[in-house]
C-alpha atoms as a PDB file:
ATOM      1  CA  MET A   1      15.078 -13.930  34.264  1.00  0.00           C
ATOM      2  CA  GLU A   2      15.441 -11.791  37.709  1.00  0.00           C
ATOM      3  CA  SER A   3      14.849 -15.078  39.746  1.00  0.00           C
ATOM      4  CA  MET A   4      17.585 -17.087  37.822  1.00  0.00           C
ATOM      5  CA  ILE A   5      20.223 -13.838  38.663  1.00  0.00           C
ATOM      6  CA  MET A   6      18.805 -13.629  42.190  1.00  0.00           C
ATOM      7  CA  ASN A   7      19.091 -17.747  42.718  1.00  0.00           C
ATOM      8  CA  ALA A   8      22.491 -17.715  41.056  1.00  0.00           C
ATOM      9  CA  PRO A   9      25.421 -17.980  43.494  1.00  0.00           C
ATOM     10  CA  ASN A  10      27.556 -14.797  43.788  1.00  0.00           C
ATOM     11  CA  THR A  11      30.655 -16.099  42.359  1.00  0.00           C
ATOM     12  CA  ASN A  12      28.833 -16.539  38.948  1.00  0.00           C
ATOM     13  CA  SER A  13      26.388 -14.036  38.780  1.00  0.00           C
ATOM     14  CA  GLY A  14      28.562 -11.586  37.590  1.00  0.00           C
ATOM     15  CA  GLU A  15      29.756 -14.137  34.617  1.00  0.00           C
ATOM     16  CA  ASP A  16      25.808 -14.860  34.009  1.00  0.00           C
ATOM     17  CA  LEU A  17      24.947 -10.980  33.934  1.00  0.00           C
ATOM     18  CA  VAL A  18      27.721 -10.449  31.587  1.00  0.00           C
ATOM     19  CA  THR A  19      26.988 -13.724  29.363  1.00  0.00           C
ATOM     20  CA  LEU A  20      23.164 -12.470  29.239  1.00  0.00           C
ATOM     21  CA  GLU A  21      24.059  -8.680  28.024  1.00  0.00           C
ATOM     22  CA  ALA A  22      26.042 -10.194  25.475  1.00  0.00           C
ATOM     23  CA  GLU A  23      23.155 -12.526  24.319  1.00  0.00           C
ATOM     24  CA  ILE A  24      20.697  -9.450  24.394  1.00  0.00           C
ATOM     25  CA  THR A  25      23.147  -7.390  22.302  1.00  0.00           C
ATOM     26  CA  GLU A  26      23.473 -10.248  19.511  1.00  0.00           C
ATOM     27  CA  LEU A  27      19.805 -10.488  19.656  1.00  0.00           C
ATOM     28  CA  GLN A  28      18.991  -6.696  19.174  1.00  0.00           C
ATOM     29  CA  ARG A  29      21.742  -6.899  16.225  1.00  0.00           C
ATOM     30  CA  GLU A  30      20.123  -9.941  14.664  1.00  0.00           C
ATOM     31  CA  ASN A  31      16.619  -7.818  15.250  1.00  0.00           C
ATOM     32  CA  ALA A  32      18.109  -4.853  13.890  1.00  0.00           C
ATOM     33  CA  ARG A  33      19.612  -7.210  10.773  1.00  0.00           C
ATOM     34  CA  VAL A  34      16.165  -8.995   9.952  1.00  0.00           C
ATOM     35  CA  GLU A  35      14.813  -5.661  10.420  1.00  0.00           C
ATOM     36  CA  SER A  36      16.605  -4.046   7.876  1.00  0.00           C
ATOM     37  CA  GLN A  37      16.150  -6.617   5.318  1.00  0.00           C
ATOM     38  CA  MET A  38      12.484  -6.777   5.772  1.00  0.00           C
ATOM     39  CA  ILE A  39      12.079  -2.722   5.067  1.00  0.00           C
ATOM     40  CA  LYS A  40      14.189  -3.558   2.014  1.00  0.00           C
ATOM     41  CA  LEU A  41      12.074  -6.192   1.135  1.00  0.00           C
ATOM     42  CA  LYS A  42       8.945  -3.790   1.327  1.00  0.00           C
ATOM     43  CA  SER A  43      10.582  -1.388  -1.017  1.00  0.00           C
ATOM     44  CA  ASP A  44      10.897  -4.219  -3.326  1.00  0.00           C
ATOM     45  CA  ILE A  45       7.495  -5.414  -3.374  1.00  0.00           C
ATOM     46  CA  ASN A  46       6.270  -1.897  -3.840  1.00  0.00           C
ATOM     47  CA  ALA A  47       8.819  -1.475  -6.781  1.00  0.00           C
ATOM     48  CA  ILE A  48       7.342  -4.395  -8.172  1.00  0.00           C
ATOM     49  CA  GLU A  49       3.528  -3.837  -7.141  1.00  0.00           C
ATOM     50  CA  SER A  50       4.553  -0.134  -9.419  1.00  0.00           C
ATOM     51  CA  GLN A  51       5.814  -2.059 -12.711  1.00  0.00           C
ATOM     52  CA  ILE A  52       2.686  -4.332 -12.576  1.00  0.00           C
ATOM     53  CA  SER A  53       0.362  -1.436 -12.262  1.00  0.00           C
ATOM     54  CA  VAL A  54       2.385   0.519 -15.192  1.00  0.00           C
ATOM     55  CA  GLY A  55       2.321  -3.065 -17.241  1.00  0.00           C
ATOM     56  CA  ASP A  56      -1.084  -3.570 -16.764  1.00  0.00           C
ATOM     57  CA  ARG A  57      -2.016   0.279 -17.517  1.00  0.00           C
ATOM     58  CA  GLU A  58      -0.190  -0.214 -20.832  1.00  0.00           C
ATOM     59  CA  ASN A  59      -1.723  -3.545 -21.566  1.00  0.00           C
ATOM     60  CA  LEU A  60      -5.070  -1.874 -21.266  1.00  0.00           C
ATOM     61  CA  MET A  61      -4.049   0.882 -23.745  1.00  0.00           C
ATOM     62  CA  ILE A  62      -2.560  -1.804 -26.216  1.00  0.00           C
ATOM     63  CA  SER A  63      -5.926  -3.658 -26.126  1.00  0.00           C
ATOM     64  CA  GLN A  64      -7.814  -0.343 -26.374  1.00  0.00           C
ATOM     65  CA  LYS A  65      -5.656   0.701 -29.149  1.00  0.00           C
ATOM     66  CA  THR A  66      -6.240  -2.848 -31.190  1.00  0.00           C
ATOM     67  CA  ASN A  67     -10.146  -2.910 -30.296  1.00  0.00           C
ATOM     68  CA  LEU A  68      -9.739   1.029 -32.020  1.00  0.00           C
ATOM     69  CA  ASN A  69      -7.830  -0.597 -35.366  1.00  0.00           C
ATOM     70  CA  GLU A  70     -10.365  -3.591 -35.594  1.00  0.00           C
ATOM     71  CA  TYR A  71     -13.017  -1.484 -35.426  1.00  0.00           C
ATOM     72  CA  TYR A  72     -11.848   1.163 -38.201  1.00  0.00           C
ATOM     73  CA  LYS A  73     -11.165  -2.123 -40.349  1.00  0.00           C
ATOM     74  CA  SER A  74     -14.852  -2.985 -39.800  1.00  0.00           C
ATOM     75  CA  LEU A  75     -16.129   0.212 -40.564  1.00  0.00           C
ATOM     76  CA  ARG A  76     -14.105   0.755 -43.806  1.00  0.00           C
ATOM     77  CA  ASN A  77     -14.457  -2.904 -44.893  1.00  0.00           C
ATOM     78  CA  ASN A  78     -18.284  -2.093 -44.302  1.00  0.00           C
ATOM     79  CA  VAL A  79     -17.756   1.235 -46.521  1.00  0.00           C
ATOM     80  CA  ILE A  80     -16.402  -0.356 -49.344  1.00  0.00           C
ATOM     81  CA  THR A  81     -18.979  -2.938 -49.137  1.00  0.00           C
ATOM     82  CA  PHE A  82     -21.634  -0.252 -49.050  1.00  0.00           C
ATOM     83  CA  LEU A  83     -20.340   1.450 -52.141  1.00  0.00           C
ATOM     84  CA  GLY A  84     -19.751  -1.507 -54.097  1.00  0.00           C
ATOM     85  CA  HIS A  85     -23.280  -2.519 -53.706  1.00  0.00           C
ATOM     86  CA  ASN A  86     -24.288   1.238 -54.398  1.00  0.00           C
ATOM     87  CA  ARG A  87     -23.465   2.641 -57.625  1.00  0.00           C
ATOM     88  CA  LEU A  88     -24.391   6.191 -57.274  1.00  0.00           C
ATOM     89  CA  PRO A  89     -25.186   8.006 -60.530  1.00  0.00           C
ATOM     90  CA  ILE A  90     -22.822  10.329 -62.418  1.00  0.00           C
ATOM     91  CA  VAL A  91     -23.487  13.596 -62.155  1.00  0.00           C
ATOM     92  CA  GLY A  92     -24.692  15.707 -65.090  1.00  0.00           C
ATOM     93  CA  SER A  93     -26.061  12.318 -66.655  1.00  0.00           C
ATOM     94  CA  THR A  94     -29.814  11.844 -66.958  1.00  0.00           C
ATOM     95  CA  ASP A  95     -29.433   7.734 -67.538  1.00  0.00           C
ATOM     96  CA  ILE A  96     -29.588   6.176 -64.274  1.00  0.00           C
ATOM     97  CA  THR A  97     -28.500   2.995 -65.280  1.00  0.00           C
ATOM     98  CA  LYS A  98     -24.462   3.616 -65.907  1.00  0.00           C
END
């Protein structure tokens, strides 16, 4: 860029310099705006990832609770079936057929 400024005629070099400075200022403003948007997007992504992590933990807890409920239901059914097949004698009775 310096060579362009050096080779430019003296009458336009002042105007060219002002134009370049204005373009640089505009580019710096645009870069700052884009950088601000990127920071906001990173923040949004972190928030979403956090929500997903919480949701995954909740789903795992629900799954574990469901598995535990199924286990207890199966255990209950097995105990009821066992008791149905194995009649215990009545206490105090000598007849074991009752």
